[in-house]
Amino acid sequence: MTTEEDLSRRLSAGLRDVPDYPSPGVLFKDITPLLADPDLFAESVRALSAAHRPGGGAEVDLVAGVEARGFIFGAAVALSLGVGFVPVRKKGKLPHTTVSAEYTLEYGTAVIEVHEDAVRPGQRVLLLDDVLATGGTAEAAAGLLERVGAEVVSVSFLVELGFLDGRRRLAGREVNSLLKY
């Protein structure tokens, strides 16, 4: 077994499947058991950080995390890399002047925002979230960060639900995920 396969096996063991959540027919990948295990959580942060360490080829100036679970991994990865963190939040949650993006979900629309001064022009940003599903949130967040001047170097996820084809909406971007289902 390769090191990557071993990592996938260990991280997968830290997830819990919750059937019919948040609606009938959905099998939800619950990350809270992984977060409760300090070794698995640390291992996931190391793995998400690896490609962005000095000498890793894709160094970044900032990490942006999407509310809410993207905050958990994004802040930890930013700390691990020694860079700042940018929250991408739901509409109305940030206290300063914001820029927003509306995007389509399977069941309607949503709006996310960042502070207009969250990124200096040309700063290299890693965008992080917990799960890549249909790709709508990640696509909107990457576009929003670019509107405020970021160069989105990579979009990374703990889990990718490949059967939902979210990568299609992120075409032309570097996309990484630790676990693929």
N, C-alpha and C. Protein backbone atom coordinates (compact mmCIF):
# COMPACT_ATOMS: atom_id res chain seq x y z
N MET A 1 0.85 -1.18 0.00
CA MET A 1 0.00 0.00 0.00
C MET A 1 0.89 1.24 0.00
N THR A 2 0.58 2.19 -0.89
CA THR A 2 1.37 3.41 -0.95
C THR A 2 1.04 4.31 0.22
N THR A 3 1.90 5.26 0.45
CA THR A 3 1.67 6.22 1.53
C THR A 3 0.37 6.98 1.30
N GLU A 4 0.09 7.35 0.05
CA GLU A 4 -1.15 8.08 -0.27
C GLU A 4 -2.37 7.21 0.01
N GLU A 5 -2.31 5.92 -0.35
CA GLU A 5 -3.42 5.01 -0.08
C GLU A 5 -3.61 4.83 1.43
N ASP A 6 -2.51 4.75 2.16
CA ASP A 6 -2.58 4.60 3.61
C ASP A 6 -3.21 5.84 4.25
N LEU A 7 -2.80 7.02 3.78
CA LEU A 7 -3.39 8.26 4.28
C LEU A 7 -4.89 8.27 3.99
N SER A 8 -5.29 7.94 2.78
CA SER A 8 -6.71 7.90 2.42
C SER A 8 -7.48 6.94 3.33
N ARG A 9 -6.91 5.77 3.57
CA ARG A 9 -7.57 4.77 4.41
C ARG A 9 -7.76 5.32 5.83
N ARG A 10 -6.71 5.93 6.40
CA ARG A 10 -6.80 6.46 7.76
C ARG A 10 -7.80 7.62 7.86
N LEU A 11 -7.74 8.52 6.89
CA LEU A 11 -8.67 9.66 6.93
C LEU A 11 -10.11 9.20 6.71
N SER A 12 -10.31 8.26 5.78
CA SER A 12 -11.67 7.73 5.54
C SER A 12 -12.25 7.10 6.79
N ALA A 13 -11.39 6.43 7.55
CA ALA A 13 -11.85 5.80 8.79
C ALA A 13 -12.34 6.84 9.80
N GLY A 14 -11.91 8.08 9.64
CA GLY A 14 -12.32 9.15 10.54
C GLY A 14 -13.60 9.85 10.14
N LEU A 15 -14.20 9.42 9.02
CA LEU A 15 -15.46 10.00 8.59
C LEU A 15 -16.62 9.09 8.99
N ARG A 16 -17.78 9.69 9.16
CA ARG A 16 -18.98 8.91 9.49
C ARG A 16 -20.02 9.18 8.40
N ASP A 17 -20.59 8.11 7.87
CA ASP A 17 -21.68 8.25 6.90
C ASP A 17 -23.00 8.42 7.64
N VAL A 18 -23.75 9.46 7.27
CA VAL A 18 -25.05 9.72 7.88
C VAL A 18 -26.09 9.66 6.76
N PRO A 19 -26.88 8.58 6.71
CA PRO A 19 -27.87 8.45 5.64
C PRO A 19 -29.02 9.45 5.80
N ASP A 20 -29.54 9.87 4.66
CA ASP A 20 -30.72 10.74 4.58
C ASP A 20 -30.56 12.07 5.29
N TYR A 21 -29.33 12.61 5.26
CA TYR A 21 -29.08 13.94 5.84
C TYR A 21 -28.38 14.79 4.80
N PRO A 22 -28.80 15.99 4.53
CA PRO A 22 -29.89 16.75 5.15
C PRO A 22 -31.26 16.47 4.55
N SER A 23 -31.32 15.57 3.56
CA SER A 23 -32.62 15.23 2.98
C SER A 23 -32.59 13.76 2.55
N PRO A 24 -33.75 13.17 2.35
CA PRO A 24 -33.81 11.75 1.98
C PRO A 24 -33.00 11.46 0.71
N GLY A 25 -32.26 10.36 0.76
CA GLY A 25 -31.47 9.93 -0.39
C GLY A 25 -30.03 10.42 -0.38
N VAL A 26 -29.71 11.36 0.50
CA VAL A 26 -28.35 11.89 0.58
C VAL A 26 -27.57 11.10 1.63
N LEU A 27 -26.34 10.69 1.28
CA LEU A 27 -25.44 10.07 2.24
C LEU A 27 -24.40 11.11 2.61
N PHE A 28 -24.55 11.71 3.78
CA PHE A 28 -23.71 12.81 4.24
C PHE A 28 -22.41 12.28 4.80
N LYS A 29 -21.29 12.88 4.39
CA LYS A 29 -19.97 12.53 4.92
C LYS A 29 -19.68 13.47 6.08
N ASP A 30 -19.82 12.97 7.31
CA ASP A 30 -19.64 13.76 8.52
C ASP A 30 -18.16 13.74 8.92
N ILE A 31 -17.55 14.93 8.98
CA ILE A 31 -16.13 15.04 9.30
C ILE A 31 -15.86 15.20 10.79
N THR A 32 -16.92 15.32 11.62
CA THR A 32 -16.68 15.62 13.03
C THR A 32 -15.88 14.54 13.77
N PRO A 33 -16.01 13.23 13.45
CA PRO A 33 -15.13 12.26 14.12
C PRO A 33 -13.64 12.50 13.79
N LEU A 34 -13.33 12.88 12.57
CA LEU A 34 -11.95 13.19 12.19
C LEU A 34 -11.45 14.40 12.98
N LEU A 35 -12.28 15.41 13.11
CA LEU A 35 -11.88 16.61 13.85
C LEU A 35 -11.64 16.31 15.32
N ALA A 36 -12.36 15.35 15.87
CA ALA A 36 -12.23 15.00 17.28
C ALA A 36 -10.97 14.18 17.57
N ASP A 37 -10.37 13.64 16.53
CA ASP A 37 -9.16 12.83 16.69
C ASP A 37 -7.95 13.72 16.38
N PRO A 38 -7.19 14.13 17.40
CA PRO A 38 -6.11 15.09 17.15
C PRO A 38 -5.06 14.60 16.16
N ASP A 39 -4.80 13.30 16.13
CA ASP A 39 -3.81 12.78 15.18
C ASP A 39 -4.32 12.85 13.74
N LEU A 40 -5.58 12.45 13.53
CA LEU A 40 -6.14 12.51 12.18
C LEU A 40 -6.31 13.95 11.71
N PHE A 41 -6.76 14.80 12.62
CA PHE A 41 -6.93 16.21 12.25
C PHE A 41 -5.58 16.80 11.85
N ALA A 42 -4.55 16.56 12.66
CA ALA A 42 -3.21 17.06 12.34
C ALA A 42 -2.70 16.48 11.03
N GLU A 43 -2.96 15.21 10.79
CA GLU A 43 -2.51 14.58 9.56
C GLU A 43 -3.21 15.19 8.34
N SER A 44 -4.49 15.48 8.47
CA SER A 44 -5.21 16.10 7.35
C SER A 44 -4.68 17.51 7.08
N VAL A 45 -4.38 18.26 8.13
CA VAL A 45 -3.82 19.61 7.95
C VAL A 45 -2.45 19.54 7.28
N ARG A 46 -1.62 18.61 7.72
CA ARG A 46 -0.29 18.44 7.08
C ARG A 46 -0.45 18.10 5.60
N ALA A 47 -1.37 17.21 5.28
CA ALA A 47 -1.56 16.80 3.89
C ALA A 47 -2.12 17.94 3.04
N LEU A 48 -3.05 18.71 3.59
CA LEU A 48 -3.60 19.85 2.84
C LEU A 48 -2.57 20.96 2.65
N SER A 49 -1.60 21.03 3.56
CA SER A 49 -0.57 22.07 3.51
C SER A 49 0.61 21.70 2.62
N ALA A 50 0.85 20.43 2.41
CA ALA A 50 2.10 19.91 1.84
C ALA A 50 2.52 20.59 0.54
N ALA A 51 1.61 20.75 -0.40
CA ALA A 51 1.97 21.30 -1.71
C ALA A 51 2.26 22.80 -1.66
N HIS A 52 1.98 23.42 -0.53
CA HIS A 52 2.10 24.88 -0.45
C HIS A 52 3.20 25.34 0.50
N ARG A 53 3.99 24.41 0.96
CA ARG A 53 5.14 24.76 1.81
C ARG A 53 6.25 25.33 0.95
N PRO A 54 7.11 26.15 1.51
CA PRO A 54 8.26 26.65 0.74
C PRO A 54 9.01 25.49 0.08
N GLY A 55 9.26 25.65 -1.20
CA GLY A 55 9.91 24.60 -1.97
C GLY A 55 8.94 23.58 -2.53
N GLY A 56 7.66 23.68 -2.15
CA GLY A 56 6.65 22.74 -2.62
C GLY A 56 6.10 23.07 -3.99
N GLY A 57 6.45 24.23 -4.51
CA GLY A 57 6.06 24.59 -5.87
C GLY A 57 4.89 25.53 -5.99
N ALA A 58 4.00 25.56 -5.01
CA ALA A 58 2.81 26.41 -5.11
C ALA A 58 2.64 27.21 -3.83
N GLU A 59 3.67 27.98 -3.47
CA GLU A 59 3.61 28.77 -2.25
C GLU A 59 2.48 29.78 -2.32
N VAL A 60 1.90 30.07 -1.16
CA VAL A 60 0.78 31.01 -1.09
C VAL A 60 1.04 32.08 -0.05
N ASP A 61 0.34 33.20 -0.21
CA ASP A 61 0.42 34.31 0.73
C ASP A 61 -0.71 34.26 1.76
N LEU A 62 -1.82 33.65 1.36
CA LEU A 62 -3.01 33.58 2.21
C LEU A 62 -3.74 32.27 1.96
N VAL A 63 -4.53 31.86 2.95
CA VAL A 63 -5.47 30.76 2.78
C VAL A 63 -6.86 31.34 2.99
N ALA A 64 -7.78 31.02 2.10
CA ALA A 64 -9.17 31.44 2.25
C ALA A 64 -10.00 30.19 2.53
N GLY A 65 -10.88 30.30 3.51
CA GLY A 65 -11.75 29.17 3.87
C GLY A 65 -13.19 29.58 3.75
N VAL A 66 -14.01 28.65 3.25
CA VAL A 66 -15.43 28.90 3.04
C VAL A 66 -16.21 28.47 4.27
N GLU A 67 -17.10 29.35 4.72
CA GLU A 67 -17.95 29.08 5.88
C GLU A 67 -18.72 27.78 5.67
N ALA A 68 -18.83 26.94 6.62
CA ALA A 68 -18.29 27.04 7.95
C ALA A 68 -17.14 26.05 8.14
N ARG A 69 -17.29 24.85 7.60
CA ARG A 69 -16.24 23.86 7.85
C ARG A 69 -14.94 24.19 7.14
N GLY A 70 -14.99 24.98 6.09
CA GLY A 70 -13.76 25.44 5.44
C GLY A 70 -12.94 26.33 6.36
N PHE A 71 -13.61 26.97 7.33
CA PHE A 71 -12.88 27.77 8.33
C PHE A 71 -11.97 26.89 9.17
N ILE A 72 -12.48 25.72 9.54
CA ILE A 72 -11.73 24.83 10.42
C ILE A 72 -10.42 24.43 9.76
N PHE A 73 -10.52 23.91 8.54
CA PHE A 73 -9.32 23.47 7.84
C PHE A 73 -8.49 24.65 7.34
N GLY A 74 -9.16 25.67 6.84
CA GLY A 74 -8.44 26.82 6.30
C GLY A 74 -7.60 27.53 7.33
N ALA A 75 -8.15 27.78 8.50
CA ALA A 75 -7.39 28.46 9.55
C ALA A 75 -6.22 27.60 10.02
N ALA A 76 -6.44 26.29 10.16
CA ALA A 76 -5.37 25.40 10.60
C ALA A 76 -4.26 25.33 9.55
N VAL A 77 -4.62 25.26 8.27
CA VAL A 77 -3.62 25.21 7.20
C VAL A 77 -2.86 26.53 7.13
N ALA A 78 -3.56 27.65 7.27
CA ALA A 78 -2.89 28.96 7.27
C ALA A 78 -1.86 29.03 8.39
N LEU A 79 -2.24 28.60 9.57
CA LEU A 79 -1.32 28.59 10.71
C LEU A 79 -0.12 27.68 10.42
N SER A 80 -0.39 26.52 9.85
CA SER A 80 0.67 25.57 9.51
C SER A 80 1.66 26.16 8.50
N LEU A 81 1.14 26.95 7.57
CA LEU A 81 1.98 27.54 6.52
C LEU A 81 2.60 28.87 6.94
N GLY A 82 2.15 29.43 8.05
CA GLY A 82 2.66 30.72 8.50
C GLY A 82 2.16 31.88 7.66
N VAL A 83 0.91 31.77 7.17
CA VAL A 83 0.31 32.83 6.35
C VAL A 83 -1.02 33.24 6.97
N GLY A 84 -1.60 34.31 6.45
CA GLY A 84 -2.87 34.80 6.96
C GLY A 84 -4.05 33.99 6.45
N PHE A 85 -5.20 34.26 7.06
CA PHE A 85 -6.45 33.57 6.74
C PHE A 85 -7.52 34.57 6.33
N VAL A 86 -8.27 34.24 5.28
CA VAL A 86 -9.37 35.07 4.79
C VAL A 86 -10.67 34.29 4.89
N PRO A 87 -11.64 34.77 5.67
CA PRO A 87 -12.93 34.08 5.73
C PRO A 87 -13.82 34.47 4.55
N VAL A 88 -14.40 33.45 3.91
CA VAL A 88 -15.42 33.65 2.88
C VAL A 88 -16.73 33.27 3.57
N ARG A 89 -17.59 34.28 3.79
CA ARG A 89 -18.75 34.09 4.66
C ARG A 89 -20.07 34.23 3.93
N LYS A 90 -21.10 33.74 4.59
CA LYS A 90 -22.45 33.93 4.09
C LYS A 90 -22.80 35.41 4.20
N LYS A 91 -23.70 35.85 3.34
CA LYS A 91 -24.10 37.26 3.28
C LYS A 91 -24.52 37.79 4.66
N GLY A 92 -24.01 38.99 4.96
CA GLY A 92 -24.41 39.69 6.17
C GLY A 92 -23.63 39.34 7.42
N LYS A 93 -22.59 38.53 7.31
CA LYS A 93 -21.84 38.08 8.48
C LYS A 93 -20.52 38.83 8.70
N LEU A 94 -20.07 39.60 7.71
CA LEU A 94 -18.80 40.32 7.83
C LEU A 94 -19.08 41.78 8.19
N PRO A 95 -18.29 42.38 9.09
CA PRO A 95 -18.60 43.70 9.62
C PRO A 95 -18.16 44.90 8.79
N HIS A 96 -17.29 44.68 7.81
CA HIS A 96 -16.73 45.80 7.05
C HIS A 96 -17.32 45.76 5.64
N THR A 97 -16.88 46.66 4.78
CA THR A 97 -17.36 46.73 3.40
C THR A 97 -17.01 45.44 2.67
N THR A 98 -17.99 44.86 2.00
CA THR A 98 -17.81 43.56 1.36
C THR A 98 -18.08 43.59 -0.14
N VAL A 99 -17.62 42.54 -0.78
CA VAL A 99 -17.94 42.23 -2.18
C VAL A 99 -18.63 40.88 -2.13
N SER A 100 -19.68 40.71 -2.93
CA SER A 100 -20.45 39.47 -2.83
C SER A 100 -20.60 38.78 -4.18
N ALA A 101 -20.95 37.50 -4.10
CA ALA A 101 -21.22 36.69 -5.29
C ALA A 101 -22.42 35.81 -4.99
N GLU A 102 -23.38 35.81 -5.89
CA GLU A 102 -24.53 34.93 -5.78
C GLU A 102 -24.26 33.71 -6.65
N TYR A 103 -24.68 32.55 -6.19
CA TYR A 103 -24.47 31.33 -6.96
C TYR A 103 -25.65 30.39 -6.76
N THR A 104 -25.77 29.43 -7.66
CA THR A 104 -26.89 28.50 -7.66
C THR A 104 -26.54 27.23 -6.92
N LEU A 105 -27.46 26.81 -6.08
CA LEU A 105 -27.38 25.52 -5.39
C LEU A 105 -28.40 24.58 -6.02
N GLU A 106 -28.38 23.33 -5.61
CA GLU A 106 -29.36 22.37 -6.13
C GLU A 106 -30.79 22.81 -5.80
N TYR A 107 -30.96 23.55 -4.72
CA TYR A 107 -32.28 23.88 -4.20
C TYR A 107 -32.56 25.37 -4.13
N GLY A 108 -31.77 26.21 -4.82
CA GLY A 108 -32.00 27.65 -4.79
C GLY A 108 -30.72 28.41 -5.05
N THR A 109 -30.60 29.57 -4.41
CA THR A 109 -29.40 30.38 -4.57
C THR A 109 -28.85 30.74 -3.19
N ALA A 110 -27.60 31.15 -3.18
CA ALA A 110 -26.95 31.60 -1.95
C ALA A 110 -26.01 32.74 -2.31
N VAL A 111 -25.58 33.48 -1.30
CA VAL A 111 -24.66 34.60 -1.50
C VAL A 111 -23.53 34.46 -0.49
N ILE A 112 -22.29 34.62 -1.00
CA ILE A 112 -21.12 34.65 -0.12
C ILE A 112 -20.42 35.99 -0.30
N GLU A 113 -19.64 36.35 0.71
CA GLU A 113 -18.96 37.64 0.70
C GLU A 113 -17.54 37.53 1.26
N VAL A 114 -16.71 38.48 0.87
CA VAL A 114 -15.41 38.71 1.50
C VAL A 114 -15.28 40.22 1.69
N HIS A 115 -14.43 40.60 2.63
CA HIS A 115 -14.13 42.03 2.76
C HIS A 115 -13.45 42.50 1.50
N GLU A 116 -13.78 43.70 1.06
CA GLU A 116 -13.21 44.23 -0.18
C GLU A 116 -11.69 44.39 -0.09
N ASP A 117 -11.16 44.52 1.13
CA ASP A 117 -9.71 44.69 1.30
C ASP A 117 -9.04 43.44 1.88
N ALA A 118 -9.68 42.28 1.74
CA ALA A 118 -9.16 41.03 2.32
C ALA A 118 -7.87 40.57 1.66
N VAL A 119 -7.69 40.97 0.41
CA VAL A 119 -6.55 40.50 -0.38
C VAL A 119 -5.93 41.70 -1.08
N ARG A 120 -4.61 41.76 -1.07
CA ARG A 120 -3.92 42.78 -1.87
C ARG A 120 -3.77 42.26 -3.29
N PRO A 121 -3.81 43.13 -4.28
CA PRO A 121 -3.69 42.67 -5.68
C PRO A 121 -2.46 41.78 -5.88
N GLY A 122 -2.71 40.63 -6.50
CA GLY A 122 -1.63 39.71 -6.83
C GLY A 122 -1.27 38.72 -5.74
N GLN A 123 -1.88 38.82 -4.56
CA GLN A 123 -1.56 37.84 -3.53
C GLN A 123 -2.03 36.46 -3.97
N ARG A 124 -1.18 35.48 -3.68
CA ARG A 124 -1.45 34.09 -4.06
C ARG A 124 -2.24 33.42 -2.95
N VAL A 125 -3.39 32.86 -3.32
CA VAL A 125 -4.33 32.34 -2.33
C VAL A 125 -4.65 30.87 -2.59
N LEU A 126 -4.65 30.10 -1.52
CA LEU A 126 -5.17 28.73 -1.52
C LEU A 126 -6.59 28.81 -1.00
N LEU A 127 -7.56 28.34 -1.77
CA LEU A 127 -8.96 28.30 -1.35
C LEU A 127 -9.24 26.90 -0.82
N LEU A 128 -9.79 26.83 0.37
CA LEU A 128 -10.01 25.55 1.05
C LEU A 128 -11.45 25.40 1.52
N ASP A 129 -11.98 24.19 1.34
CA ASP A 129 -13.28 23.84 1.91
C ASP A 129 -13.24 22.37 2.28
N ASP A 130 -14.24 21.91 3.02
CA ASP A 130 -14.21 20.52 3.45
C ASP A 130 -14.62 19.56 2.35
N VAL A 131 -15.66 19.89 1.58
CA VAL A 131 -16.19 18.95 0.59
C VAL A 131 -16.42 19.63 -0.75
N LEU A 132 -15.98 18.97 -1.82
CA LEU A 132 -16.33 19.38 -3.18
C LEU A 132 -17.49 18.50 -3.62
N ALA A 133 -18.65 19.12 -3.79
CA ALA A 133 -19.83 18.40 -4.26
C ALA A 133 -20.11 18.84 -5.70
N THR A 134 -21.05 19.74 -5.89
CA THR A 134 -21.37 20.19 -7.25
C THR A 134 -20.45 21.30 -7.74
N GLY A 135 -19.67 21.89 -6.85
CA GLY A 135 -18.69 22.89 -7.23
C GLY A 135 -19.17 24.32 -7.25
N GLY A 136 -20.45 24.56 -6.99
CA GLY A 136 -20.99 25.91 -7.07
C GLY A 136 -20.39 26.87 -6.05
N THR A 137 -20.25 26.42 -4.82
CA THR A 137 -19.69 27.28 -3.78
C THR A 137 -18.23 27.61 -4.08
N ALA A 138 -17.46 26.59 -4.44
CA ALA A 138 -16.04 26.81 -4.73
C ALA A 138 -15.85 27.70 -5.94
N GLU A 139 -16.66 27.51 -6.96
CA GLU A 139 -16.57 28.35 -8.16
C GLU A 139 -16.86 29.81 -7.80
N ALA A 140 -17.91 30.04 -7.02
CA ALA A 140 -18.27 31.41 -6.61
C ALA A 140 -17.18 32.02 -5.73
N ALA A 141 -16.65 31.24 -4.79
CA ALA A 141 -15.63 31.76 -3.88
C ALA A 141 -14.35 32.11 -4.64
N ALA A 142 -13.93 31.26 -5.57
CA ALA A 142 -12.72 31.55 -6.35
C ALA A 142 -12.91 32.81 -7.18
N GLY A 143 -14.06 32.94 -7.82
CA GLY A 143 -14.33 34.14 -8.61
C GLY A 143 -14.38 35.39 -7.76
N LEU A 144 -14.94 35.28 -6.58
CA LEU A 144 -15.02 36.41 -5.66
C LEU A 144 -13.64 36.85 -5.21
N LEU A 145 -12.79 35.90 -4.86
CA LEU A 145 -11.42 36.22 -4.46
C LEU A 145 -10.66 36.89 -5.60
N GLU A 146 -10.85 36.42 -6.80
CA GLU A 146 -10.18 37.03 -7.95
C GLU A 146 -10.69 38.45 -8.19
N ARG A 147 -11.97 38.69 -7.94
CA ARG A 147 -12.52 40.05 -8.10
C ARG A 147 -11.87 41.04 -7.16
N VAL A 148 -11.42 40.58 -5.99
CA VAL A 148 -10.78 41.50 -5.04
C VAL A 148 -9.25 41.49 -5.20
N GLY A 149 -8.75 40.83 -6.26
CA GLY A 149 -7.33 40.93 -6.58
C GLY A 149 -6.48 39.70 -6.36
N ALA A 150 -7.05 38.62 -5.85
CA ALA A 150 -6.27 37.41 -5.57
C ALA A 150 -5.90 36.65 -6.84
N GLU A 151 -4.80 35.94 -6.75
CA GLU A 151 -4.48 34.89 -7.72
C GLU A 151 -4.77 33.59 -6.99
N VAL A 152 -5.84 32.91 -7.38
CA VAL A 152 -6.19 31.64 -6.73
C VAL A 152 -5.29 30.57 -7.30
N VAL A 153 -4.33 30.13 -6.49
CA VAL A 153 -3.30 29.18 -6.90
C VAL A 153 -3.85 27.77 -6.96
N SER A 154 -4.73 27.43 -6.02
CA SER A 154 -5.25 26.08 -5.90
C SER A 154 -6.55 26.11 -5.13
N VAL A 155 -7.39 25.12 -5.41
CA VAL A 155 -8.63 24.92 -4.66
C VAL A 155 -8.54 23.51 -4.09
N SER A 156 -8.57 23.40 -2.76
CA SER A 156 -8.35 22.10 -2.12
C SER A 156 -9.49 21.74 -1.18
N PHE A 157 -9.69 20.42 -1.06
CA PHE A 157 -10.79 19.88 -0.27
C PHE A 157 -10.31 18.66 0.51
N LEU A 158 -10.92 18.41 1.64
CA LEU A 158 -10.69 17.17 2.35
C LEU A 158 -11.34 16.03 1.57
N VAL A 159 -12.59 16.21 1.16
CA VAL A 159 -13.39 15.17 0.49
C VAL A 159 -13.91 15.69 -0.84
N GLU A 160 -13.86 14.83 -1.85
CA GLU A 160 -14.46 15.12 -3.16
C GLU A 160 -15.48 14.04 -3.47
N LEU A 161 -16.70 14.47 -3.78
CA LEU A 161 -17.76 13.55 -4.20
C LEU A 161 -17.77 13.55 -5.74
N GLY A 162 -16.90 12.72 -6.31
CA GLY A 162 -16.66 12.73 -7.75
C GLY A 162 -17.90 12.50 -8.60
N PHE A 163 -18.86 11.73 -8.11
CA PHE A 163 -20.07 11.44 -8.87
C PHE A 163 -20.93 12.67 -9.10
N LEU A 164 -20.67 13.76 -8.36
CA LEU A 164 -21.41 15.02 -8.55
C LEU A 164 -20.70 15.96 -9.53
N ASP A 165 -19.51 15.59 -9.98
CA ASP A 165 -18.77 16.29 -11.05
C ASP A 165 -18.50 17.77 -10.76
N GLY A 166 -18.17 18.08 -9.51
CA GLY A 166 -17.88 19.46 -9.14
C GLY A 166 -16.64 20.02 -9.81
N ARG A 167 -15.70 19.15 -10.20
CA ARG A 167 -14.48 19.62 -10.89
C ARG A 167 -14.82 20.33 -12.20
N ARG A 168 -15.91 19.94 -12.81
CA ARG A 168 -16.30 20.55 -14.09
C ARG A 168 -16.47 22.07 -13.92
N ARG A 169 -17.02 22.51 -12.80
CA ARG A 169 -17.24 23.94 -12.57
C ARG A 169 -15.95 24.66 -12.21
N LEU A 170 -14.90 23.89 -11.92
CA LEU A 170 -13.60 24.48 -11.56
C LEU A 170 -12.58 24.24 -12.67
N ALA A 171 -13.05 23.95 -13.86
CA ALA A 171 -12.16 23.67 -15.00
C ALA A 171 -11.17 24.82 -15.18
N GLY A 172 -9.92 24.46 -15.45
CA GLY A 172 -8.87 25.46 -15.63
C GLY A 172 -8.18 25.83 -14.33
N ARG A 173 -8.65 25.29 -13.22
CA ARG A 173 -8.05 25.56 -11.91
C ARG A 173 -7.37 24.29 -11.40
N GLU A 174 -6.34 24.47 -10.58
CA GLU A 174 -5.75 23.32 -9.91
C GLU A 174 -6.69 22.93 -8.78
N VAL A 175 -7.13 21.67 -8.79
CA VAL A 175 -8.06 21.17 -7.78
C VAL A 175 -7.43 19.95 -7.13
N ASN A 176 -7.42 19.95 -5.79
CA ASN A 176 -6.85 18.83 -5.03
C ASN A 176 -7.84 18.40 -3.96
N SER A 177 -7.88 17.09 -3.73
CA SER A 177 -8.70 16.56 -2.64
C SER A 177 -7.96 15.37 -2.04
N LEU A 178 -8.10 15.22 -0.73
CA LEU A 178 -7.43 14.12 -0.04
C LEU A 178 -8.18 12.81 -0.18
N LEU A 179 -9.52 12.88 -0.19
CA LEU A 179 -10.36 11.69 -0.30
C LEU A 179 -11.33 11.84 -1.45
N LYS A 180 -11.48 10.78 -2.23
CA LYS A 180 -12.42 10.83 -3.37
C LYS A 180 -13.41 9.69 -3.26
N TYR A 181 -14.68 10.05 -3.37
CA TYR A 181 -15.77 9.07 -3.34
C TYR A 181 -16.55 9.18 -4.63
